[in-house]
Amino acid sequence: MNSTIDTQLGHRTIRAFSAEPVNMDPIFEVAMRTPSSLGLQQCSIIHVTDQTLKDKLAQIGNQPYVADVPVYLLFIVDTHRNAQLTDAEGGAYARNFTAGFTDACLMAQNVCVAAESMGLGVNFYGNVHNDAQAVIDLLQLPQLTFPVVGMGIGWPNQQPQLKPRLPRSVRVMENSYAEADPAAVAQYDQDIQTYYDLRNPDKPVPSFTAQIAGHYRMPQDLRDSTFEVARRQGFVV
């Protein structure tokens, strides 16, 4: 083991932060060094510093605590820049959505590791997909860009319990796909119910199978229009 692995194994989602300022320079430098598909660097970061914009992002995601995060970053697919640099229109740039999406995810995780190595807390915000079009309009994202994931960074003001995960035996497979062992999943169902969620401290956490069953039974929402919005942004998906 080393300090990097120790930090990663101790990852917790932080939703409450102190007001202490954060030096983002080293974190942004790490972001720039993230591997990218074919070296084309088809993702970018929107650093949201305007409080009014943070407030609106919190409303879009239906998570009020987002408004209070010291640093808010939005990682985006960005083939717009390369298209502008080469005076090209559409074409291959429109077909690079998945490469840009992957680049953005890699950059976000790289930033997470860097921030946590400095003692900072991190929270990922997938809720930007609650209404991707609203995020695009709010932050004036041009054609050939698309929001991938938001991130909050700051000095932690809470210490959540380490959340249990599915065992490695269920998620790491050798040579071919393997169905999950029912006994391992049943044990995880028991483990997850011991987790203490600070968002709802008086509400028992349901089993994992109950959580996923409930999620997939949810009615259609604005996330179902994600690919439609991406197409409106000029991508072939």
Foldseek 3Di string as FASTA:
>chain_A
DDLLVVLVQQADAFLDFDLDDDDCVVLVVLLVVFDAVVPPQQKDKDWDDDLVLQCVLCVLLVHRSSSVFNTKIWMKGHLVVVCVVVVHDFDVLQACRVRSLVSSVRSVVSSCSVQSSVQKHKHKAQSCLLAFVVNCVSVVPAFSMTTRIMMGIHHGPDRADDADDQDPVQVDDPPDDDHGDPVSLVVQQVVRQVGQDPVCRPDTDGGPVVVVVVVVPDDDGSSVCRVVVNVVSRHDD
